Amino acid sequence: VKIRLDRDDDMIMTGKRHDILANYSYGYDAKGRLQAVDVAFNARCGHSADLSLGVCDRTLFHTDNAYFYPSVRALSRRVRTNTVSNTAFRGFGGPQGMVFAERMMDEIAIRLGTDPLDVRKRNLYGPRRDVTHYGMKVVDNIAPKVVRELEKTSDYRQRRKQVRAFNKANRFLKKGIALSPIKFGIAFTLKHLNQAGALVHVYTDGSVQVNHGGTEMGQGLYTKVAQVVAEEFGIDFQNVQITATKTDKVPNTTPTAASSGSDLNGMAAKHAAATIKGRMT
């Protein structure tokens, strides 16, 4: 049976990003620095669980975006409804949590009558403000430096003045400008998915053939894995051939997702190449 749906039916029947209603309250000081955050994310999961477990967990992990919460309570409610089962999309629940954090920054700025960028800068992770709400210490934190550089190189302050002047002179057509940071965690929240395998063959003519569990979809994964293997063996990149991903070569593959395809499959190929190189010597 072949069914060709029109766009309306297709949109109704196919799973989408989880739409979330966030109920929240928060407190901040006179400079706009957050003191406490209380948020509940009500996610429409649809009629089945699908990937809602991991998606909603990641929403909680990204509730802070790039900001330090001295005190926080975050709750996720996974709501079963009589609608299509929602599923994983780009960001996998992260954007919903980050949008909430950015909404708070804008609300605080409006109430204080200050530039939203100043509120964002004051709430960034920094010295003695470097532990997330899930207990992970933020290391190599370059967010404050990057934001300062972008503020300068983008001529943010002057352009904001220009936007304000334009909006004042135009009744209907309006402009806006914003500079927002992102702290995004890679890898799967379902820990058993953070695995990869690779099969490496070395031939007597010096060429190398590699098969791994990642899917190439235009992001350059095959090229990156080949470069890793070439670097490990100390040979020219052109001597490494990547063959199409097949589960009869590398079984139990995990999805090429969660911004982890290069890390997982590249390291699997590196370990395999290192093992073979060790046997050669």
Protein backbone atom coordinates (compact mmCIF):
# COMPACT_ATOMS: atom_id res chain seq x y z
CA VAL A 1 0.00 0.00 0.00
CA LYS A 2 1.32 3.41 -0.95
CA ILE A 3 -0.07 6.54 0.65
CA ARG A 4 0.74 10.00 -0.63
CA LEU A 5 -0.32 12.58 1.93
CA ASP A 6 -1.02 16.22 1.34
CA ARG A 7 0.96 18.65 3.47
CA ASP A 8 -1.79 19.24 6.04
CA ASP A 9 -2.27 15.52 6.77
CA ASP A 10 1.47 14.95 6.75
CA MET A 11 2.02 17.65 9.40
CA ILE A 12 -0.76 16.23 11.56
CA MET A 13 0.47 12.63 11.40
CA THR A 14 4.24 12.99 11.78
CA GLY A 15 6.06 13.47 15.09
CA LYS A 16 7.61 16.84 15.83
CA ARG A 17 9.63 18.74 18.38
CA HIS A 18 8.09 18.62 21.86
CA ASP A 19 6.08 21.76 22.51
CA ILE A 20 6.50 22.79 26.13
CA LEU A 21 4.60 25.02 28.51
CA ALA A 22 7.01 26.40 31.12
CA ASN A 23 5.57 27.59 34.43
CA TYR A 24 8.21 29.52 36.31
CA SER A 25 9.14 32.12 38.89
CA TYR A 26 12.49 33.61 39.81
CA GLY A 27 14.19 36.22 41.95
CA TYR A 28 17.02 38.62 41.12
CA ASP A 29 18.96 41.46 42.73
CA ALA A 30 19.10 45.16 41.80
CA LYS A 31 21.67 44.50 39.08
CA GLY A 32 19.65 41.72 37.49
CA ARG A 33 21.66 38.78 38.81
CA LEU A 34 19.51 35.73 39.40
CA GLN A 35 19.21 34.54 42.99
CA ALA A 36 16.74 31.67 42.59
CA VAL A 37 14.83 29.91 39.80
CA ASP A 38 11.79 27.62 40.04
CA VAL A 39 10.55 26.11 36.77
CA ALA A 40 8.31 23.26 35.64
CA PHE A 41 8.40 22.12 32.01
CA ASN A 42 5.17 20.52 30.80
CA ALA A 43 6.05 18.65 27.62
CA ARG A 44 3.47 17.31 25.18
CA CYS A 45 4.86 13.86 24.41
CA GLY A 46 1.90 12.55 22.41
CA HIS A 47 0.33 9.11 22.55
CA SER A 48 3.53 7.10 23.15
CA ALA A 49 6.85 7.53 24.92
CA ASP A 50 9.00 7.50 21.77
CA LEU A 51 12.20 9.42 22.72
CA SER A 52 10.51 11.69 25.23
CA LEU A 53 12.61 10.37 28.12
CA GLY A 54 15.89 11.63 26.69
CA VAL A 55 14.40 14.76 25.15
CA CYS A 56 12.81 15.96 28.38
CA ASP A 57 15.91 15.12 30.40
CA ARG A 58 17.99 17.29 28.09
CA THR A 59 15.54 20.14 28.53
CA LEU A 60 16.32 20.02 32.25
CA PHE A 61 20.07 19.91 31.60
CA HIS A 62 19.82 23.04 29.44
CA THR A 63 17.52 24.97 31.75
CA ASP A 64 20.47 27.22 32.65
CA ASN A 65 21.79 27.74 29.12
CA ALA A 66 25.02 29.64 29.95
CA TYR A 67 23.88 31.21 33.23
CA PHE A 68 24.60 30.47 36.87
CA TYR A 69 21.63 29.73 39.13
CA PRO A 70 22.57 30.03 42.83
CA SER A 71 19.42 28.15 43.81
CA VAL A 72 17.18 26.21 41.46
CA ARG A 73 14.32 23.73 41.32
CA ALA A 74 13.58 22.32 37.89
CA LEU A 75 10.80 19.83 37.17
CA SER A 76 9.85 17.99 34.00
CA ARG A 77 6.34 16.68 33.41
CA ARG A 78 6.02 14.31 30.46
CA VAL A 79 2.39 14.66 29.40
CA ARG A 80 0.64 11.91 27.47
CA THR A 81 -1.92 13.32 25.04
CA ASN A 82 -4.18 12.06 22.25
CA THR A 83 -1.96 13.67 19.61
CA VAL A 84 0.85 12.39 17.42
CA SER A 85 3.86 11.07 19.33
CA ASN A 86 6.53 13.77 19.39
CA THR A 87 10.15 12.81 18.89
CA ALA A 88 13.75 14.01 18.72
CA PHE A 89 14.65 17.01 16.60
CA ARG A 90 17.82 19.08 16.29
CA GLY A 91 18.88 19.99 19.80
CA PHE A 92 16.93 17.11 21.34
CA GLY A 93 15.12 19.12 24.02
CA GLY A 94 17.97 21.56 24.60
CA PRO A 95 16.44 24.53 22.73
CA GLN A 96 13.31 24.41 24.89
CA GLY A 97 15.37 24.79 28.05
CA MET A 98 17.56 27.52 26.55
CA VAL A 99 14.59 29.52 25.27
CA PHE A 100 13.28 29.57 28.83
CA ALA A 101 16.60 30.92 30.15
CA GLU A 102 16.74 33.62 27.47
CA ARG A 103 13.16 34.62 28.17
CA MET A 104 14.12 35.26 31.79
CA MET A 105 17.04 37.45 30.74
CA ASP A 106 14.78 39.57 28.54
CA GLU A 107 12.10 39.88 31.22
CA ILE A 108 14.63 41.05 33.81
CA ALA A 109 16.08 43.59 31.37
CA ILE A 110 12.62 45.00 30.60
CA ARG A 111 11.77 45.34 34.28
CA LEU A 112 15.08 47.02 35.12
CA GLY A 113 15.08 49.18 32.00
CA THR A 114 18.56 48.03 31.00
CA ASP A 115 20.16 46.45 27.95
CA PRO A 116 19.43 42.69 27.81
CA LEU A 117 23.07 42.01 26.96
CA ASP A 118 24.19 43.55 30.25
CA VAL A 119 21.82 41.25 32.14
CA ARG A 120 23.12 38.25 30.24
CA LYS A 121 26.75 39.15 30.95
CA ARG A 122 26.07 39.54 34.68
CA ASN A 123 24.50 36.08 34.87
CA LEU A 124 27.15 34.13 32.93
CA TYR A 125 29.11 31.36 34.60
CA GLY A 126 32.36 32.67 36.06
CA PRO A 127 34.80 32.39 39.00
CA ARG A 128 33.06 30.97 42.10
CA ARG A 129 29.93 30.75 39.95
CA ASP A 130 30.93 27.68 37.98
CA VAL A 131 28.83 24.69 39.09
CA THR A 132 25.71 23.74 37.16
CA HIS A 133 22.38 22.83 38.72
CA TYR A 134 23.19 19.18 38.01
CA GLY A 135 26.51 19.36 39.88
CA MET A 136 28.96 19.59 36.97
CA LYS A 137 31.81 22.09 37.21
CA VAL A 138 32.12 24.36 34.16
CA VAL A 139 35.76 24.31 33.00
CA ASP A 140 37.48 26.13 30.14
CA ASN A 141 34.73 28.72 30.30
CA ILE A 142 35.31 31.10 27.40
CA ALA A 143 31.75 32.44 27.24
CA PRO A 144 32.47 35.81 28.96
CA LYS A 145 35.46 36.44 26.68
CA VAL A 146 33.61 35.45 23.51
CA VAL A 147 30.62 37.64 24.40
CA ARG A 148 32.89 40.63 25.06
CA GLU A 149 34.69 40.13 21.76
CA LEU A 150 31.45 39.76 19.81
CA GLU A 151 30.01 42.84 21.48
CA LYS A 152 33.01 44.81 20.26
CA THR A 153 33.51 43.33 16.79
CA SER A 154 29.79 43.45 15.96
CA ASP A 155 29.55 47.11 17.06
CA TYR A 156 26.59 46.00 19.15
CA ARG A 157 26.09 49.21 21.14
CA GLN A 158 26.07 51.50 18.11
CA ARG A 159 23.80 49.20 16.13
CA ARG A 160 21.40 49.04 19.07
CA LYS A 161 21.18 52.83 19.06
CA GLN A 162 20.44 52.71 15.34
CA VAL A 163 17.70 50.13 15.88
CA ARG A 164 16.15 52.25 18.63
CA ALA A 165 16.17 55.31 16.37
CA PHE A 166 14.62 53.35 13.50
CA ASN A 167 11.85 51.96 15.68
CA LYS A 168 11.06 55.41 17.01
CA ALA A 169 10.70 56.77 13.48
CA ASN A 170 8.61 53.88 12.12
CA ARG A 171 5.18 53.09 13.44
CA PHE A 172 4.64 49.64 11.96
CA LEU A 173 7.96 48.28 10.69
CA LYS A 174 10.30 47.42 13.55
CA LYS A 175 13.81 46.03 13.92
CA GLY A 176 15.59 44.17 16.68
CA ILE A 177 19.07 43.06 17.66
CA ALA A 178 20.27 40.54 20.23
CA LEU A 179 23.46 38.79 21.33
CA SER A 180 22.89 35.54 23.21
CA PRO A 181 25.37 32.89 24.43
CA ILE A 182 24.86 29.13 24.30
CA LYS A 183 26.27 26.36 26.47
CA PHE A 184 25.35 23.09 24.82
CA GLY A 185 26.12 19.61 26.06
CA ILE A 186 27.02 16.92 23.55
CA ALA A 187 26.43 13.16 23.70
CA PHE A 188 23.33 11.20 24.62
CA THR A 189 21.51 11.52 27.92
CA LEU A 190 20.82 7.79 27.56
CA LYS A 191 24.32 6.67 28.55
CA HIS A 192 24.32 3.31 26.82
CA LEU A 193 24.07 5.10 23.46
CA ASN A 194 27.45 6.75 24.00
CA GLN A 195 29.38 3.99 22.28
CA ALA A 196 30.88 3.30 18.87
CA GLY A 197 32.84 0.66 17.00
CA ALA A 198 35.20 0.61 14.05
CA LEU A 199 36.73 -2.05 11.78
CA VAL A 200 40.13 -1.16 10.31
CA HIS A 201 41.98 -3.13 7.62
CA VAL A 202 45.61 -2.47 6.69
CA TYR A 203 46.82 -3.83 3.35
CA THR A 204 50.31 -4.68 2.12
CA ASP A 205 50.28 -1.82 -0.40
CA GLY A 206 50.02 0.65 2.51
CA SER A 207 46.36 1.48 2.03
CA VAL A 208 43.84 1.40 4.88
CA GLN A 209 40.14 0.61 4.81
CA VAL A 210 37.85 1.79 7.62
CA ASN A 211 34.26 0.97 8.48
CA HIS A 212 32.52 2.54 11.47
CA GLY A 213 29.02 3.00 12.86
CA GLY A 214 28.46 6.63 11.87
CA THR A 215 26.16 7.84 9.12
CA GLU A 216 27.39 10.38 6.60
CA MET A 217 24.70 12.94 5.84
CA GLY A 218 26.76 15.80 4.46
CA GLN A 219 28.41 16.82 7.72
CA GLY A 220 31.82 15.45 6.70
CA LEU A 221 31.94 12.56 9.16
CA TYR A 222 33.64 10.13 6.78
CA THR A 223 36.33 12.67 6.00
CA LYS A 224 36.98 13.43 9.66
CA VAL A 225 37.27 9.76 10.63
CA ALA A 226 39.64 9.15 7.71
CA GLN A 227 41.78 12.07 8.88
CA VAL A 228 41.91 10.63 12.40
CA VAL A 229 43.07 7.25 11.09
CA ALA A 230 45.62 8.83 8.76
CA GLU A 231 47.02 10.87 11.66
CA GLU A 232 47.24 7.79 13.88
CA PHE A 233 49.11 5.76 11.26
CA GLY A 234 51.20 8.70 10.06
CA ILE A 235 50.14 8.23 6.44
CA ASP A 236 48.63 10.42 3.76
CA PHE A 237 44.89 11.01 4.02
CA GLN A 238 44.43 9.80 0.44
CA ASN A 239 45.51 6.30 1.48
CA VAL A 240 42.51 5.87 3.79
CA GLN A 241 39.22 4.66 2.33
CA ILE A 242 35.95 4.76 4.27
CA THR A 243 33.38 2.15 3.31
CA ALA A 244 29.61 2.54 3.68
CA THR A 245 28.21 1.99 7.16
CA LYS A 246 26.81 -1.56 7.48
CA THR A 247 25.78 -3.39 10.61
CA ASP A 248 27.28 -6.66 9.35
CA LYS A 249 30.65 -4.91 9.63
CA VAL A 250 30.11 -2.89 12.82
CA PRO A 251 27.01 -4.07 14.75
CA ASN A 252 25.02 -2.33 17.47
CA THR A 253 25.54 1.13 16.05
CA THR A 254 24.06 4.10 17.84
CA PRO A 255 22.32 7.01 16.10
CA THR A 256 24.53 9.60 14.46
CA ALA A 257 23.13 12.36 16.62
CA ALA A 258 23.63 14.42 19.79
CA SER A 259 26.64 16.22 18.26
CA SER A 260 28.67 13.10 19.03
CA GLY A 261 29.18 11.34 15.68
CA SER A 262 32.74 12.58 15.15
CA ASP A 263 33.79 12.12 18.78
CA LEU A 264 32.47 8.59 19.20
CA ASN A 265 33.31 7.10 15.81
CA GLY A 266 36.55 9.02 15.45
CA MET A 267 37.80 7.70 18.79
CA ALA A 268 36.69 4.16 17.97
CA ALA A 269 38.65 4.30 14.71
CA LYS A 270 41.63 5.83 16.54
CA HIS A 271 41.65 3.03 19.11
CA ALA A 272 41.41 0.38 16.38
CA ALA A 273 44.25 1.96 14.42
CA ALA A 274 46.39 2.31 17.55
CA THR A 275 45.85 -1.38 18.36
CA ILE A 276 46.99 -2.43 14.89
CA LYS A 277 49.96 -0.06 14.99
CA GLY A 278 50.98 -1.55 18.31
CA ARG A 279 51.01 -5.01 16.79
CA MET A 280 53.23 -3.80 13.95
CA THR A 281 55.93 -2.63 16.31
